Amino acid sequence: MKTKNVNELLADLEPADFADVKGISNLEKVQVQRGDLLINLTGAGSIGRVSIYYGDDLPITNQHIARLGIKEAYDEGYVAAFLRTWWGERALEQGVAGSTGQINMVNDHVRSIPVVIFNAAVQKYIGDKVRQAERLQACANALSISIAEHFAGLVKNPIPAKFSWVAKKEDLDSYRINPKQYDPVVLDLIQRAKDKCARLDPLSALVGVRKIAGGATPKGAKYFDKGVLFARVQNVKPLRLDLSDAVYVDPLVDEELARSRCSAGDIILTITGYPGTASLVTEEDLPVNINQHSVRFNIKEGVDPGYVCAALNSRFLKYQVDRLAIGGTRDALDYPSVGRLLIPRYESEIEKNVGEQARCVNAAIKLSQRLTTAAKLLVEALIKAQLTEAELLTAEKALQAGSDRLDRFILSRLNADGVDGQGPALFSDLDELYYLLTLAKGD
């Protein structure tokens, strides 16, 4: 694990790097255990960042990360959440030393950081929010694997890739002379899918009345901290929009770009940068607009948009995107190519099930991120006396007794600004949160 893996409160193994551990004599000192805290000791912009690892893979770290094991008397999730608060971050910053480009933090400073300690049950209540976030992440990963397996048979045992090939006359397209258009690997996969009686519909046949539309970059590229979400390529992730580094445009610009304005149930598909990544727009994402590096479209009635979004993110479609993307300096999909992407079709019930899994992945990842935010906000609320230990202690006892009423009440008071602040609620649908937590527990 490197500093790039210590980003959000939950440590992420992706993107992963690998190393041979045979030559490491003190492996136990660099091996990360479940529940360990990780702190970046170097790196401008990321130094002092804290994550907690809840995986089972026992990865190793390098000299740029401090690994902390928390004593059993304290809750590791709570400690991690505290270190991500304003007070925790300021305490960590005090240990930063060095010149620009060579700043670092030493382990002795990390050990000396004071941590505000509350009642053990209160720590557990907050730490459980972090662990619930990890459960939702794991649930989303499991569902993503299930979705991928649904389409896996379409790309099983592809023929070996070739460096050169001869296109068949019947495959020639009057408007396409680029070699990838006639890649025998992709053409063979498509033919095999047809031979298996899989129905392949061009995306253009599934698009609704609003058709395929692309956006544009606002004049002067002026962005704001709030307004209408302006989804860029980096915000378009498989099945969902990632708003962690979102920018916004004002309503007037959104009006000028009305053709690319999104609605709930729309699919946003990247066409440059990383062409072929598809996100499903949800009600809580709105309002959303896009730039010229993506297109948006709705799906006609009777076809599940979640299923189409899942299919677009499959390896079978990735092969097709690589075949159809063209360009000089970088590959891109043009609008006709987007419409020509072939979507495998199955029985309605199967597509509905895959679509529901896609929506669950979308919601689980977003709610996981909000639970880690909630943990941090709860610590801050205790420190600022916006909540009392007694309130959280009572809620924890009620949860142990099987009642989530007080927990719901506390979570309903949270928004992006803290407790009882301005702005939209942190959790817009608590029923969905508890449903997914139950689903994750079952997994």
Protein backbone atom coordinates (compact mmCIF):
# COMPACT_ATOMS: atom_id res chain seq x y z
CA MET A 1 0.00 0.00 0.00
CA LYS A 2 1.23 3.46 -0.92
CA THR A 3 0.11 6.97 -0.03
CA LYS A 4 -2.31 6.88 -2.99
CA ASN A 5 -4.24 4.14 -1.16
CA VAL A 6 -4.67 6.34 1.93
CA ASN A 7 -7.27 8.76 0.66
CA GLU A 8 -10.77 8.35 2.08
CA LEU A 9 -11.48 7.23 5.64
CA LEU A 10 -11.64 3.64 4.40
CA ALA A 11 -8.30 2.56 2.90
CA ASP A 12 -8.56 1.30 -0.67
CA LEU A 13 -6.31 -1.33 -2.26
CA GLU A 14 -7.04 0.03 -5.73
CA PRO A 15 -4.97 0.96 -7.63
CA ALA A 16 -2.89 -1.94 -6.37
CA ASP A 17 0.87 -2.44 -6.55
CA PHE A 18 2.68 -5.68 -5.75
CA ALA A 19 6.06 -6.53 -4.24
CA ASP A 20 8.09 -9.67 -3.49
CA VAL A 21 8.17 -10.07 0.31
CA LYS A 22 10.80 -12.83 0.37
CA GLY A 23 13.59 -10.37 1.13
CA ILE A 24 11.73 -8.58 3.96
CA SER A 25 13.12 -9.76 7.30
CA ASN A 26 10.68 -7.84 9.52
CA LEU A 27 7.51 -8.54 7.57
CA GLU A 28 5.22 -8.22 10.61
CA LYS A 29 6.30 -4.59 11.06
CA VAL A 30 5.10 -3.54 7.62
CA GLN A 31 2.14 -5.89 7.26
CA VAL A 32 -1.26 -4.25 7.69
CA GLN A 33 -3.77 -6.07 9.87
CA ARG A 34 -7.54 -5.68 9.83
CA GLY A 35 -8.47 -2.61 11.89
CA ASP A 36 -5.08 -0.90 11.55
CA LEU A 37 -4.90 2.85 11.00
CA LEU A 38 -2.69 4.20 8.22
CA ILE A 39 -1.25 7.73 8.17
CA ASN A 40 0.60 9.31 5.27
CA LEU A 41 3.99 10.61 6.46
CA THR A 42 4.94 12.30 3.17
CA GLY A 43 3.33 13.78 0.10
CA ALA A 44 2.26 17.36 -0.49
CA GLY A 45 -1.53 17.53 -0.25
CA SER A 46 -1.89 14.10 1.37
CA ILE A 47 0.52 14.22 4.32
CA GLY A 48 -1.29 13.50 7.58
CA ARG A 49 -4.23 11.85 5.84
CA VAL A 50 -5.69 8.97 7.86
CA SER A 51 -7.44 5.81 6.67
CA ILE A 52 -8.48 2.60 8.35
CA TYR A 53 -8.03 -0.82 6.77
CA TYR A 54 -10.77 -3.43 7.15
CA GLY A 55 -9.61 -5.92 4.53
CA ASP A 56 -8.27 -9.44 5.03
CA ASP A 57 -5.46 -9.46 2.45
CA LEU A 58 -2.61 -8.46 4.84
CA PRO A 59 -0.97 -5.95 2.48
CA ILE A 60 2.37 -4.32 3.26
CA THR A 61 3.24 -0.62 3.46
CA ASN A 62 6.34 1.37 2.62
CA GLN A 63 8.27 3.98 4.59
CA HIS A 64 5.87 6.74 3.58
CA ILE A 65 3.02 5.36 5.71
CA ALA A 66 2.75 4.93 9.47
CA ARG A 67 0.77 1.89 10.62
CA LEU A 68 -1.03 2.06 13.96
CA GLY A 69 -2.67 -0.76 15.85
CA ILE A 70 -5.25 0.51 18.34
CA LYS A 71 -5.46 -1.03 21.83
CA GLU A 72 -8.49 -3.19 22.55
CA ALA A 73 -9.75 -0.72 25.16
CA TYR A 74 -10.45 1.81 22.41
CA ASP A 75 -12.50 1.68 19.23
CA GLU A 76 -10.34 1.88 16.11
CA GLY A 77 -13.20 3.25 14.00
CA TYR A 78 -13.77 6.06 16.46
CA VAL A 79 -10.05 6.95 16.60
CA ALA A 80 -9.87 7.05 12.79
CA ALA A 81 -12.96 9.28 12.65
CA PHE A 82 -11.48 11.62 15.28
CA LEU A 83 -8.24 11.98 13.33
CA ARG A 84 -10.29 13.06 10.27
CA THR A 85 -12.01 15.87 12.22
CA TRP A 86 -10.83 19.48 12.18
CA TRP A 87 -9.07 18.94 15.53
CA GLY A 88 -7.40 15.72 14.48
CA GLU A 89 -6.16 17.18 11.21
CA ARG A 90 -4.77 20.29 12.95
CA ALA A 91 -2.94 18.11 15.48
CA LEU A 92 -1.41 16.06 12.67
CA GLU A 93 -0.39 19.19 10.75
CA GLN A 94 1.71 20.39 13.68
CA GLY A 95 4.14 17.56 13.00
CA VAL A 96 4.76 18.49 9.37
CA ALA A 97 8.31 19.71 8.77
CA GLY A 98 10.71 20.21 5.87
CA SER A 99 10.98 22.34 2.77
CA THR A 100 8.56 22.44 -0.15
CA GLY A 101 8.59 19.15 -2.00
CA GLN A 102 10.33 17.36 0.88
CA ILE A 103 7.87 17.75 3.74
CA ASN A 104 7.44 14.82 6.09
CA MET A 105 6.05 13.72 9.43
CA VAL A 106 7.81 11.50 11.95
CA ASN A 107 6.36 8.56 13.85
CA ASP A 108 7.11 10.14 17.23
CA HIS A 109 4.77 13.02 16.45
CA VAL A 110 2.01 10.62 15.39
CA ARG A 111 2.33 8.78 18.71
CA SER A 112 2.09 12.06 20.66
CA ILE A 113 -1.20 13.28 19.14
CA PRO A 114 -3.86 13.76 21.84
CA VAL A 115 -7.15 11.98 21.14
CA VAL A 116 -10.40 13.00 22.85
CA ILE A 117 -11.77 9.89 24.53
CA PHE A 118 -15.46 9.38 25.23
CA ASN A 119 -17.39 6.56 26.88
CA ALA A 120 -16.58 3.16 25.34
CA ALA A 121 -20.19 2.65 24.20
CA VAL A 122 -20.17 6.08 22.56
CA GLN A 123 -16.92 5.20 20.79
CA LYS A 124 -18.54 1.99 19.58
CA TYR A 125 -21.62 3.85 18.32
CA ILE A 126 -19.43 6.11 16.18
CA GLY A 127 -17.00 3.35 15.20
CA ASP A 128 -19.92 1.20 14.05
CA LYS A 129 -20.75 3.85 11.45
CA VAL A 130 -17.27 3.35 9.97
CA ARG A 131 -17.67 -0.43 10.05
CA GLN A 132 -21.13 -0.16 8.46
CA ALA A 133 -19.52 1.90 5.70
CA GLU A 134 -17.02 -0.90 5.15
CA ARG A 135 -19.87 -3.45 5.02
CA LEU A 136 -21.64 -1.42 2.35
CA GLN A 137 -18.41 -1.20 0.35
CA ALA A 138 -17.99 -4.97 0.59
CA CYS A 139 -21.63 -5.46 -0.42
CA ALA A 140 -21.15 -3.19 -3.44
CA ASN A 141 -18.04 -5.15 -4.43
CA ALA A 142 -19.90 -8.46 -4.14
CA LEU A 143 -22.80 -7.17 -6.24
CA SER A 144 -20.38 -5.80 -8.84
CA ILE A 145 -18.77 -9.23 -9.12
CA SER A 146 -22.22 -10.81 -9.50
CA ILE A 147 -23.07 -8.37 -12.29
CA ALA A 148 -19.76 -9.04 -14.05
CA GLU A 149 -20.35 -12.80 -13.84
CA HIS A 150 -23.69 -12.38 -15.60
CA PHE A 151 -21.88 -11.16 -18.74
CA ALA A 152 -18.71 -13.24 -18.29
CA GLY A 153 -19.83 -16.00 -20.63
CA LEU A 154 -19.86 -13.56 -23.54
CA VAL A 155 -16.09 -13.03 -23.32
CA LYS A 156 -15.02 -16.51 -22.26
CA ASN A 157 -11.92 -17.89 -24.04
CA PRO A 158 -11.44 -15.20 -26.70
CA ILE A 159 -9.26 -16.19 -29.62
CA PRO A 160 -5.59 -15.10 -29.34
CA ALA A 161 -4.96 -11.48 -30.27
CA LYS A 162 -3.25 -10.92 -33.62
CA PHE A 163 -0.82 -8.23 -34.76
CA SER A 164 -2.29 -8.20 -38.26
CA TRP A 165 -5.38 -9.54 -39.95
CA VAL A 166 -7.34 -9.52 -43.18
CA ALA A 167 -10.88 -8.14 -43.06
CA LYS A 168 -13.60 -10.18 -44.68
CA LYS A 169 -15.47 -8.50 -47.50
CA GLU A 170 -18.83 -8.93 -45.77
CA ASP A 171 -17.50 -7.12 -42.68
CA LEU A 172 -16.32 -4.00 -44.53
CA ASP A 173 -17.89 -0.67 -43.60
CA SER A 174 -17.81 2.11 -46.20
CA TYR A 175 -17.08 4.74 -43.54
CA ARG A 176 -14.53 2.87 -41.41
CA ILE A 177 -11.04 1.98 -42.58
CA ASN A 178 -9.34 1.91 -39.17
CA PRO A 179 -7.92 -1.57 -38.45
CA LYS A 180 -9.55 -1.96 -35.02
CA GLN A 181 -12.96 -1.88 -36.67
CA TYR A 182 -12.17 -5.34 -38.06
CA ASP A 183 -10.43 -6.80 -35.01
CA PRO A 184 -11.06 -10.56 -35.36
CA VAL A 185 -11.11 -11.04 -31.57
CA VAL A 186 -14.09 -8.71 -31.14
CA LEU A 187 -15.87 -9.86 -34.27
CA ASP A 188 -15.54 -13.46 -33.09
CA LEU A 189 -16.97 -12.63 -29.65
CA ILE A 190 -19.94 -10.89 -31.25
CA GLN A 191 -20.57 -13.79 -33.60
CA ARG A 192 -20.32 -16.32 -30.77
CA ALA A 193 -22.84 -14.29 -28.76
CA LYS A 194 -25.24 -14.43 -31.70
CA ASP A 195 -24.64 -18.17 -32.12
CA LYS A 196 -25.56 -18.69 -28.47
CA CYS A 197 -28.94 -17.17 -29.31
CA ALA A 198 -28.15 -14.05 -27.30
CA ARG A 199 -30.15 -11.18 -28.70
CA LEU A 200 -27.91 -8.19 -29.42
CA ASP A 201 -29.70 -4.87 -29.75
CA PRO A 202 -27.86 -1.73 -30.88
CA LEU A 203 -27.96 0.90 -28.17
CA SER A 204 -29.72 3.25 -30.60
CA ALA A 205 -32.72 0.90 -30.55
CA LEU A 206 -32.98 1.16 -26.75
CA VAL A 207 -32.54 4.93 -26.39
CA GLY A 208 -35.65 6.90 -25.42
CA VAL A 209 -37.24 9.97 -26.97
CA ARG A 210 -34.63 12.39 -25.57
CA LYS A 211 -31.99 10.70 -27.73
CA ILE A 212 -28.21 10.87 -27.31
CA ALA A 213 -26.88 14.32 -26.44
CA GLY A 214 -23.48 15.68 -25.50
CA GLY A 215 -22.55 18.70 -23.45
CA ALA A 216 -20.02 21.51 -23.69
CA THR A 217 -17.53 23.29 -21.48
CA PRO A 218 -18.96 26.60 -20.18
CA LYS A 219 -17.46 29.76 -21.67
CA GLY A 220 -14.41 30.61 -19.60
CA ALA A 221 -14.79 27.28 -17.74
CA LYS A 222 -15.95 29.07 -14.59
CA TYR A 223 -16.96 26.66 -11.86
CA PHE A 224 -18.50 27.13 -8.42
CA ASP A 225 -18.77 25.26 -5.10
CA LYS A 226 -22.53 24.88 -5.45
CA GLY A 227 -25.20 25.11 -8.10
CA VAL A 228 -25.83 22.57 -10.87
CA LEU A 229 -23.48 19.58 -10.76
CA PHE A 230 -21.23 19.59 -13.83
CA ALA A 231 -20.17 15.99 -14.36
CA ARG A 232 -16.72 15.60 -15.91
CA VAL A 233 -15.01 12.37 -16.97
CA GLN A 234 -13.43 11.89 -13.53
CA ASN A 235 -16.91 11.97 -11.96
CA VAL A 236 -18.24 9.18 -14.19
CA LYS A 237 -17.54 5.87 -12.47
CA PRO A 238 -18.97 2.43 -13.30
CA LEU A 239 -22.69 2.50 -12.40
CA ARG A 240 -22.53 5.76 -10.38
CA LEU A 241 -21.51 9.39 -10.31
CA ASP A 242 -18.66 10.16 -7.92
CA LEU A 243 -19.12 13.64 -6.47
CA SER A 244 -15.98 13.68 -4.30
CA ASP A 245 -14.30 16.33 -6.48
CA ALA A 246 -17.40 17.72 -8.15
CA VAL A 247 -17.63 21.21 -9.60
CA TYR A 248 -20.79 23.19 -10.27
CA VAL A 249 -22.12 25.69 -12.81
CA ASP A 250 -24.72 28.36 -12.25
CA PRO A 251 -28.35 27.88 -13.41
CA LEU A 252 -27.88 30.27 -16.35
CA VAL A 253 -25.12 28.11 -17.81
CA ASP A 254 -27.25 25.04 -17.18
CA GLU A 255 -30.03 26.70 -19.17
CA GLU A 256 -27.65 27.39 -22.05
CA LEU A 257 -26.70 23.69 -22.01
CA ALA A 258 -30.29 22.49 -21.68
CA ARG A 259 -29.82 19.81 -24.36
CA SER A 260 -27.39 17.90 -22.13
CA ARG A 261 -29.25 18.36 -18.86
CA CYS A 262 -29.80 15.01 -17.15
CA SER A 263 -32.86 13.46 -15.55
CA ALA A 264 -33.17 10.62 -13.05
CA GLY A 265 -32.75 7.30 -14.84
CA ASP A 266 -30.50 8.76 -17.54
CA ILE A 267 -27.19 7.11 -18.36
CA ILE A 268 -24.02 9.18 -18.71
CA LEU A 269 -21.40 7.54 -20.94
CA THR A 270 -17.84 8.81 -21.33
CA ILE A 271 -16.71 9.14 -24.93
CA THR A 272 -13.17 10.51 -24.46
CA GLY A 273 -10.49 10.11 -21.80
CA TYR A 274 -11.72 6.73 -20.59
CA PRO A 275 -14.41 6.00 -23.19
CA GLY A 276 -17.07 3.48 -22.33
CA THR A 277 -17.62 4.11 -18.61
CA ALA A 278 -21.32 4.45 -17.78
CA SER A 279 -23.03 5.98 -14.74
CA LEU A 280 -26.70 5.81 -13.79
CA VAL A 281 -28.15 9.17 -12.72
CA THR A 282 -30.28 9.03 -9.57
CA GLU A 283 -32.78 11.49 -8.16
CA GLU A 284 -30.35 12.65 -5.48
CA ASP A 285 -27.66 13.42 -8.09
CA LEU A 286 -29.87 16.10 -9.65
CA PRO A 287 -29.49 18.72 -10.99
CA VAL A 288 -26.74 17.43 -13.30
CA ASN A 289 -25.25 18.57 -16.60
CA ILE A 290 -22.25 17.24 -18.53
CA ASN A 291 -19.36 18.46 -20.66
CA GLN A 292 -18.41 17.45 -24.20
CA HIS A 293 -16.41 14.42 -23.06
CA SER A 294 -19.58 12.47 -22.21
CA VAL A 295 -23.03 11.87 -23.63
CA ARG A 296 -26.30 11.37 -21.83
CA PHE A 297 -29.38 9.46 -22.95
CA ASN A 298 -32.52 7.96 -21.48
CA ILE A 299 -33.74 4.43 -22.08
CA LYS A 300 -37.11 3.74 -23.63
CA GLU A 301 -39.98 2.47 -21.54
CA GLY A 302 -40.00 -1.27 -20.95
CA VAL A 303 -36.20 -1.60 -20.72
CA ASP A 304 -34.44 -1.33 -17.36
CA PRO A 305 -31.89 1.54 -17.47
CA GLY A 306 -29.95 -0.06 -14.61
CA TYR A 307 -29.50 -3.18 -16.71
CA VAL A 308 -28.33 -1.20 -19.76
CA CYS A 309 -25.87 0.70 -17.57
CA ALA A 310 -24.54 -2.59 -16.19
CA ALA A 311 -24.18 -4.01 -19.70
CA LEU A 312 -22.29 -0.92 -20.87
CA ASN A 313 -19.74 -1.46 -18.10
CA SER A 314 -19.22 -5.14 -18.93
CA ARG A 315 -16.08 -6.56 -20.57
CA PHE A 316 -18.19 -7.53 -23.58
CA LEU A 317 -18.95 -3.86 -24.20
CA LYS A 318 -15.37 -2.86 -23.35
CA TYR A 319 -14.19 -4.98 -26.28
CA GLN A 320 -16.69 -3.17 -28.50
CA VAL A 321 -15.67 0.29 -27.25
CA ASP A 322 -12.01 -0.47 -27.97
CA ARG A 323 -13.00 -1.58 -31.45
CA LEU A 324 -15.16 1.44 -32.29
CA ALA A 325 -13.13 4.22 -30.63
CA ILE A 326 -11.08 6.24 -33.10
CA GLY A 327 -8.81 9.26 -32.95
CA GLY A 328 -5.42 10.75 -33.71
CA THR A 329 -3.98 11.85 -30.36
CA ARG A 330 -6.48 9.91 -28.24
CA ASP A 331 -9.27 7.47 -28.91
CA ALA A 332 -12.86 8.64 -28.65
CA LEU A 333 -16.33 7.38 -29.44
CA ASP A 334 -18.36 9.43 -31.91
CA TYR A 335 -22.14 9.57 -31.60
CA PRO A 336 -22.84 6.99 -34.36
CA SER A 337 -20.44 4.57 -32.64
CA VAL A 338 -22.27 5.01 -29.34
CA GLY A 339 -25.51 4.03 -31.04
CA ARG A 340 -23.86 0.98 -32.63
CA LEU A 341 -22.78 -0.58 -29.33
CA LEU A 342 -24.49 -3.97 -29.05
CA ILE A 343 -26.35 -4.65 -25.81
CA PRO A 344 -27.00 -8.33 -24.95
CA ARG A 345 -30.65 -8.92 -24.11
CA TYR A 346 -32.17 -11.50 -21.79
CA GLU A 347 -35.52 -12.29 -20.27
CA SER A 348 -37.20 -9.34 -18.58
CA GLU A 349 -36.88 -10.82 -15.08
CA ILE A 350 -33.14 -11.39 -15.50
CA GLU A 351 -32.58 -7.84 -16.74
CA LYS A 352 -34.67 -6.47 -13.89
CA ASN A 353 -32.56 -8.39 -11.36
CA VAL A 354 -29.28 -7.14 -12.84
CA GLY A 355 -30.69 -3.61 -12.96
CA GLU A 356 -31.65 -3.78 -9.30
CA GLN A 357 -28.16 -4.98 -8.42
CA ALA A 358 -26.72 -2.01 -10.33
CA ARG A 359 -28.92 0.41 -8.40
CA CYS A 360 -27.88 -1.22 -5.12
CA VAL A 361 -24.20 -0.80 -6.02
CA ASN A 362 -24.85 2.85 -6.83
CA ALA A 363 -26.64 3.49 -3.53
CA ALA A 364 -24.34 1.36 -1.35
CA ILE A 365 -21.17 3.19 -2.39
CA LYS A 366 -22.74 6.62 -1.90
CA LEU A 367 -24.18 5.67 1.49
CA SER A 368 -20.84 4.18 2.53
CA GLN A 369 -19.20 7.54 1.88
CA ARG A 370 -21.91 9.30 3.86
CA LEU A 371 -21.53 6.98 6.82
CA THR A 372 -17.84 7.84 7.11
CA THR A 373 -18.82 11.51 6.92
CA ALA A 374 -21.42 10.87 9.62
CA ALA A 375 -18.80 9.33 11.91
CA LYS A 376 -16.61 12.43 11.60
CA LEU A 377 -19.58 14.78 12.11
CA LEU A 378 -20.67 12.90 15.23
CA VAL A 379 -17.23 13.30 16.80
CA GLU A 380 -17.23 17.00 15.97
CA ALA A 381 -20.75 17.39 17.36
CA LEU A 382 -19.65 15.85 20.67
CA ILE A 383 -16.63 18.13 20.91
CA LYS A 384 -18.75 21.21 20.12
CA ALA A 385 -21.48 20.06 22.55
CA GLN A 386 -24.09 19.88 19.78
CA LEU A 387 -24.72 16.32 20.93
CA THR A 388 -24.11 14.80 24.34
CA GLU A 389 -22.53 11.52 25.31
CA ALA A 390 -25.83 10.61 26.96
CA GLU A 391 -27.71 10.94 23.66
CA LEU A 392 -25.33 8.64 21.80
CA LEU A 393 -25.10 6.25 24.74
CA THR A 394 -28.89 5.95 24.84
CA ALA A 395 -29.02 5.39 21.07
CA GLU A 396 -26.35 2.68 21.32
CA LYS A 397 -28.22 0.91 24.12
CA ALA A 398 -31.42 1.06 22.07
CA LEU A 399 -29.63 -0.49 19.09
CA GLN A 400 -28.36 -3.29 21.30
CA ALA A 401 -31.97 -3.85 22.39
CA GLY A 402 -33.12 -4.05 18.76
CA SER A 403 -34.56 -0.54 18.28
CA ASP A 404 -33.15 1.84 15.66
CA ARG A 405 -35.57 4.71 16.40
CA LEU A 406 -33.04 6.89 18.25
CA ASP A 407 -30.31 6.07 15.74
CA ARG A 408 -32.60 7.22 12.93
CA PHE A 409 -33.37 10.42 14.82
CA ILE A 410 -29.70 11.27 15.28
CA LEU A 411 -28.83 10.49 11.65
CA SER A 412 -31.79 12.58 10.46
CA ARG A 413 -30.25 15.63 12.16
CA LEU A 414 -27.03 15.39 10.13
CA ASN A 415 -26.25 17.42 7.01
CA ALA A 416 -23.06 18.44 5.25
CA ASP A 417 -22.52 21.27 7.76
CA GLY A 418 -22.92 19.13 10.86
CA VAL A 419 -25.83 18.68 13.24
CA ASP A 420 -29.03 20.69 12.72
CA GLY A 421 -27.27 22.88 10.15
CA GLN A 422 -28.35 24.30 6.83
CA GLY A 423 -28.50 22.43 3.56
CA PRO A 424 -29.84 19.04 2.49
CA ALA A 425 -29.87 16.09 4.87
CA LEU A 426 -26.83 13.83 4.79
CA PHE A 427 -29.19 10.84 4.48
CA SER A 428 -32.15 11.62 2.25
CA ASP A 429 -33.64 8.13 2.58
CA LEU A 430 -32.98 6.37 5.89
CA ASP A 431 -35.18 3.43 4.89
CA GLU A 432 -32.84 2.75 1.96
CA LEU A 433 -29.83 2.97 4.28
CA TYR A 434 -31.22 0.40 6.70
CA TYR A 435 -32.38 -1.86 3.86
CA LEU A 436 -28.89 -1.92 2.37
CA LEU A 437 -27.28 -2.45 5.77
CA THR A 438 -29.54 -5.47 6.25
CA LEU A 439 -28.64 -6.70 2.76
CA ALA A 440 -24.93 -6.21 3.49
CA LYS A 441 -25.23 -8.06 6.79
CA GLY A 442 -26.80 -10.98 4.95
CA ASP A 443 -23.89 -11.08 2.49
